[in-house]
Amino acid sequence: MKKLVVTAFLVVMLTFAFPFGNNDAKAAYNPEHDIYLEFTLPFDIPFLTEELAYKMFNIQEAIHAYLREHHNIDLEYSYIWIVINGKVVLAIDPPHPMVN
């Protein structure tokens, strides 16, 4: 049940995180601008796993591909990677303000 709630929350969050509008500039994923936030905790959080991080990454990449292919929107973007106890557990593509 927790996984379902967390997954639903993440999908809703990602849906509303993308800026709306049309951007004719051509850009792409910029891994050199990725930010890694590393935390050491005395415990693990069971539902935050590397598998979840890469699923989130793939979902967000698919959304960018959809925007490029179907709406001619190509944004420059990078990720914030959350690392807990040495394991990547979340991939977040933060929204960036649209510049016209």
N, C-alpha and C. Protein backbone atom coordinates (compact mmCIF):
# COMPACT_ATOMS: atom_id res chain seq x y z
N MET A 1 0.82 -1.19 0.00
CA MET A 1 0.00 0.00 0.00
C MET A 1 0.87 1.25 0.00
N LYS A 2 1.96 1.23 0.79
CA LYS A 2 2.84 2.39 0.83
C LYS A 2 3.45 2.67 -0.54
N LYS A 3 3.85 1.59 -1.24
CA LYS A 3 4.44 1.78 -2.56
C LYS A 3 3.45 2.44 -3.51
N LEU A 4 2.20 2.01 -3.44
CA LEU A 4 1.17 2.59 -4.31
C LEU A 4 0.98 4.07 -4.01
N VAL A 5 0.92 4.44 -2.74
CA VAL A 5 0.74 5.83 -2.36
C VAL A 5 1.94 6.66 -2.80
N VAL A 6 3.15 6.16 -2.57
CA VAL A 6 4.36 6.89 -2.95
C VAL A 6 4.42 7.03 -4.47
N THR A 7 4.12 5.98 -5.20
CA THR A 7 4.15 6.03 -6.66
C THR A 7 3.12 7.03 -7.18
N ALA A 8 1.92 6.99 -6.64
CA ALA A 8 0.88 7.93 -7.06
C ALA A 8 1.29 9.36 -6.76
N PHE A 9 1.85 9.58 -5.59
CA PHE A 9 2.32 10.92 -5.23
C PHE A 9 3.39 11.41 -6.20
N LEU A 10 4.35 10.54 -6.53
CA LEU A 10 5.43 10.93 -7.43
C LEU A 10 4.91 11.24 -8.83
N VAL A 11 3.96 10.47 -9.32
CA VAL A 11 3.39 10.71 -10.64
C VAL A 11 2.68 12.06 -10.67
N VAL A 12 1.89 12.34 -9.64
CA VAL A 12 1.19 13.62 -9.57
C VAL A 12 2.19 14.77 -9.47
N MET A 13 3.21 14.59 -8.63
CA MET A 13 4.23 15.63 -8.47
C MET A 13 4.93 15.91 -9.79
N LEU A 14 5.28 14.86 -10.52
CA LEU A 14 5.98 15.04 -11.79
C LEU A 14 5.08 15.69 -12.83
N THR A 15 3.80 15.34 -12.82
CA THR A 15 2.87 15.91 -13.78
C THR A 15 2.78 17.43 -13.62
N PHE A 16 2.72 17.90 -12.39
CA PHE A 16 2.59 19.33 -12.15
C PHE A 16 3.92 20.05 -12.08
N ALA A 17 5.02 19.32 -12.08
CA ALA A 17 6.34 19.95 -11.99
C ALA A 17 6.79 20.52 -13.32
N PHE A 18 6.26 20.01 -14.43
CA PHE A 18 6.71 20.49 -15.73
C PHE A 18 6.10 21.83 -16.05
N PRO A 19 6.91 22.77 -16.52
CA PRO A 19 6.36 24.07 -16.92
C PRO A 19 5.54 23.90 -18.20
N PHE A 20 4.49 24.68 -18.30
CA PHE A 20 3.65 24.60 -19.47
C PHE A 20 4.01 25.74 -20.43
N GLY A 21 3.75 25.54 -21.68
CA GLY A 21 4.06 26.56 -22.67
C GLY A 21 4.87 25.94 -23.79
N ASN A 22 5.15 26.75 -24.79
CA ASN A 22 5.91 26.25 -25.93
C ASN A 22 7.29 26.89 -25.92
N ASN A 23 8.29 26.07 -26.11
CA ASN A 23 9.67 26.54 -26.14
C ASN A 23 10.29 26.01 -27.43
N ASP A 24 10.65 26.91 -28.34
CA ASP A 24 11.19 26.48 -29.62
C ASP A 24 12.68 26.19 -29.58
N ALA A 25 13.34 26.52 -28.48
CA ALA A 25 14.78 26.25 -28.37
C ALA A 25 15.02 24.75 -28.30
N LYS A 26 16.10 24.31 -28.93
CA LYS A 26 16.45 22.90 -28.91
C LYS A 26 17.52 22.67 -27.85
N ALA A 27 17.24 21.77 -26.94
CA ALA A 27 18.17 21.46 -25.87
C ALA A 27 17.99 19.99 -25.50
N ALA A 28 18.71 19.55 -24.49
CA ALA A 28 18.63 18.15 -24.11
C ALA A 28 19.12 17.97 -22.69
N TYR A 29 19.19 16.71 -22.29
CA TYR A 29 19.66 16.34 -20.96
C TYR A 29 21.12 16.75 -20.81
N ASN A 30 21.42 17.45 -19.74
CA ASN A 30 22.77 17.92 -19.44
C ASN A 30 23.29 17.22 -18.19
N PRO A 31 23.86 16.03 -18.31
CA PRO A 31 24.30 15.31 -17.10
C PRO A 31 25.40 16.04 -16.34
N GLU A 32 26.15 16.92 -17.01
CA GLU A 32 27.20 17.64 -16.31
C GLU A 32 26.64 18.64 -15.29
N HIS A 33 25.34 18.95 -15.39
CA HIS A 33 24.70 19.84 -14.43
C HIS A 33 23.93 19.08 -13.35
N ASP A 34 24.02 17.76 -13.35
CA ASP A 34 23.35 16.97 -12.32
C ASP A 34 23.89 17.34 -10.95
N ILE A 35 23.01 17.29 -9.98
CA ILE A 35 23.37 17.57 -8.59
C ILE A 35 23.16 16.27 -7.80
N TYR A 36 24.13 15.93 -6.99
CA TYR A 36 24.03 14.75 -6.13
C TYR A 36 23.95 15.21 -4.68
N LEU A 37 22.85 14.88 -4.02
CA LEU A 37 22.69 15.16 -2.60
C LEU A 37 22.87 13.85 -1.85
N GLU A 38 23.92 13.78 -1.06
CA GLU A 38 24.24 12.53 -0.37
C GLU A 38 23.98 12.66 1.12
N PHE A 39 23.31 11.64 1.65
CA PHE A 39 22.98 11.60 3.06
C PHE A 39 23.41 10.26 3.64
N THR A 40 23.90 10.31 4.85
CA THR A 40 24.21 9.08 5.58
C THR A 40 23.23 9.01 6.74
N LEU A 41 22.45 7.96 6.77
CA LEU A 41 21.45 7.76 7.82
C LEU A 41 21.79 6.49 8.59
N PRO A 42 21.38 6.42 9.85
CA PRO A 42 21.64 5.20 10.62
C PRO A 42 20.66 4.07 10.28
N PHE A 43 19.84 4.28 9.27
CA PHE A 43 18.85 3.28 8.87
C PHE A 43 18.60 3.43 7.37
N ASP A 44 17.98 2.42 6.78
CA ASP A 44 17.57 2.49 5.37
C ASP A 44 16.07 2.77 5.32
N ILE A 45 15.65 3.40 4.25
CA ILE A 45 14.22 3.61 4.01
C ILE A 45 13.82 2.56 2.98
N PRO A 46 13.04 1.57 3.39
CA PRO A 46 12.81 0.38 2.56
C PRO A 46 12.26 0.65 1.16
N PHE A 47 11.37 1.63 0.99
CA PHE A 47 10.76 1.84 -0.32
C PHE A 47 11.60 2.72 -1.23
N LEU A 48 12.67 3.34 -0.71
CA LEU A 48 13.57 4.12 -1.55
C LEU A 48 14.73 3.22 -1.98
N THR A 49 14.69 2.81 -3.23
CA THR A 49 15.68 1.86 -3.75
C THR A 49 16.29 2.39 -5.04
N GLU A 50 17.39 1.78 -5.45
CA GLU A 50 18.00 2.14 -6.74
C GLU A 50 17.03 1.84 -7.88
N GLU A 51 16.27 0.77 -7.73
CA GLU A 51 15.28 0.42 -8.76
C GLU A 51 14.28 1.56 -8.93
N LEU A 52 13.80 2.13 -7.83
CA LEU A 52 12.87 3.26 -7.89
C LEU A 52 13.52 4.46 -8.56
N ALA A 53 14.78 4.74 -8.22
CA ALA A 53 15.48 5.89 -8.80
C ALA A 53 15.54 5.77 -10.31
N TYR A 54 15.89 4.61 -10.82
CA TYR A 54 16.03 4.46 -12.26
C TYR A 54 14.68 4.35 -12.96
N LYS A 55 13.65 3.85 -12.27
CA LYS A 55 12.31 3.89 -12.84
C LYS A 55 11.86 5.34 -13.00
N MET A 56 12.10 6.15 -11.97
CA MET A 56 11.74 7.57 -12.05
C MET A 56 12.50 8.25 -13.18
N PHE A 57 13.79 7.96 -13.30
CA PHE A 57 14.60 8.53 -14.36
C PHE A 57 14.01 8.17 -15.72
N ASN A 58 13.69 6.89 -15.93
CA ASN A 58 13.14 6.45 -17.21
C ASN A 58 11.78 7.07 -17.51
N ILE A 59 10.94 7.23 -16.50
CA ILE A 59 9.63 7.87 -16.69
C ILE A 59 9.82 9.32 -17.13
N GLN A 60 10.72 10.02 -16.45
CA GLN A 60 10.95 11.42 -16.78
C GLN A 60 11.58 11.57 -18.17
N GLU A 61 12.47 10.66 -18.52
CA GLU A 61 13.05 10.68 -19.87
C GLU A 61 11.96 10.44 -20.92
N ALA A 62 11.03 9.54 -20.63
CA ALA A 62 9.93 9.26 -21.56
C ALA A 62 9.04 10.49 -21.72
N ILE A 63 8.82 11.22 -20.64
CA ILE A 63 8.02 12.45 -20.72
C ILE A 63 8.73 13.48 -21.59
N HIS A 64 10.04 13.63 -21.42
CA HIS A 64 10.79 14.55 -22.27
C HIS A 64 10.72 14.13 -23.74
N ALA A 65 10.83 12.83 -24.00
CA ALA A 65 10.75 12.33 -25.38
C ALA A 65 9.37 12.62 -25.96
N TYR A 66 8.32 12.42 -25.16
CA TYR A 66 6.96 12.70 -25.62
C TYR A 66 6.80 14.18 -25.96
N LEU A 67 7.29 15.05 -25.09
CA LEU A 67 7.19 16.49 -25.34
C LEU A 67 7.93 16.89 -26.61
N ARG A 68 9.11 16.28 -26.84
CA ARG A 68 9.88 16.58 -28.06
C ARG A 68 9.14 16.11 -29.31
N GLU A 69 8.67 14.86 -29.27
CA GLU A 69 8.09 14.25 -30.47
C GLU A 69 6.70 14.78 -30.81
N HIS A 70 5.88 15.02 -29.80
CA HIS A 70 4.48 15.36 -30.07
C HIS A 70 4.14 16.82 -29.91
N HIS A 71 4.97 17.60 -29.22
CA HIS A 71 4.63 19.00 -28.97
C HIS A 71 5.76 19.95 -29.34
N ASN A 72 6.82 19.42 -29.91
CA ASN A 72 7.97 20.23 -30.32
C ASN A 72 8.52 21.08 -29.17
N ILE A 73 8.49 20.51 -27.96
CA ILE A 73 9.03 21.17 -26.78
C ILE A 73 10.29 20.42 -26.38
N ASP A 74 11.39 21.12 -26.41
CA ASP A 74 12.67 20.48 -26.08
C ASP A 74 13.36 21.35 -25.03
N LEU A 75 13.41 20.87 -23.82
CA LEU A 75 13.94 21.64 -22.71
C LEU A 75 15.34 21.18 -22.35
N GLU A 76 16.16 22.11 -21.90
CA GLU A 76 17.44 21.73 -21.31
C GLU A 76 17.14 21.34 -19.87
N TYR A 77 17.65 20.19 -19.46
CA TYR A 77 17.32 19.73 -18.12
C TYR A 77 18.45 18.89 -17.55
N SER A 78 18.42 18.77 -16.25
CA SER A 78 19.36 17.92 -15.53
C SER A 78 18.60 17.33 -14.34
N TYR A 79 19.25 16.50 -13.57
CA TYR A 79 18.58 15.82 -12.47
C TYR A 79 19.23 16.13 -11.15
N ILE A 80 18.42 16.02 -10.11
CA ILE A 80 18.92 15.98 -8.74
C ILE A 80 18.83 14.52 -8.33
N TRP A 81 19.97 13.95 -7.98
CA TRP A 81 20.03 12.56 -7.55
C TRP A 81 20.17 12.53 -6.03
N ILE A 82 19.27 11.83 -5.37
CA ILE A 82 19.34 11.68 -3.91
C ILE A 82 20.04 10.35 -3.62
N VAL A 83 21.11 10.44 -2.85
CA VAL A 83 21.91 9.26 -2.51
C VAL A 83 21.84 9.07 -1.00
N ILE A 84 21.35 7.92 -0.57
CA ILE A 84 21.27 7.61 0.86
C ILE A 84 22.11 6.38 1.15
N ASN A 85 23.02 6.54 2.08
CA ASN A 85 23.92 5.45 2.49
C ASN A 85 24.64 4.83 1.29
N GLY A 86 25.06 5.68 0.35
CA GLY A 86 25.84 5.22 -0.79
C GLY A 86 25.04 4.68 -1.95
N LYS A 87 23.69 4.67 -1.85
CA LYS A 87 22.84 4.15 -2.92
C LYS A 87 21.99 5.28 -3.49
N VAL A 88 21.96 5.38 -4.81
CA VAL A 88 21.06 6.34 -5.47
C VAL A 88 19.64 5.84 -5.23
N VAL A 89 18.78 6.70 -4.65
CA VAL A 89 17.42 6.25 -4.35
C VAL A 89 16.33 7.09 -5.02
N LEU A 90 16.65 8.29 -5.48
CA LEU A 90 15.66 9.12 -6.16
C LEU A 90 16.32 9.92 -7.28
N ALA A 91 15.60 10.07 -8.38
CA ALA A 91 16.02 10.92 -9.49
C ALA A 91 14.92 11.94 -9.70
N ILE A 92 15.26 13.21 -9.54
CA ILE A 92 14.26 14.27 -9.64
C ILE A 92 14.68 15.25 -10.73
N ASP A 93 13.80 15.48 -11.67
CA ASP A 93 14.03 16.47 -12.72
C ASP A 93 13.28 17.73 -12.28
N PRO A 94 14.00 18.68 -11.66
CA PRO A 94 13.29 19.86 -11.15
C PRO A 94 12.79 20.75 -12.28
N PRO A 95 11.68 21.44 -12.07
CA PRO A 95 11.20 22.36 -13.09
C PRO A 95 12.12 23.56 -13.20
N HIS A 96 12.26 24.08 -14.39
CA HIS A 96 13.06 25.27 -14.63
C HIS A 96 12.13 26.33 -15.20
N PRO A 97 12.35 27.59 -14.84
CA PRO A 97 11.48 28.63 -15.40
C PRO A 97 11.67 28.73 -16.91
N MET A 98 10.58 29.01 -17.60
CA MET A 98 10.62 29.17 -19.05
C MET A 98 11.13 30.57 -19.36
N VAL A 99 12.07 30.65 -20.28
CA VAL A 99 12.60 31.94 -20.70
C VAL A 99 12.21 32.14 -22.16
N ASN A 100 11.51 33.21 -22.44
CA ASN A 100 11.08 33.47 -23.84
C ASN A 100 11.98 34.46 -24.48
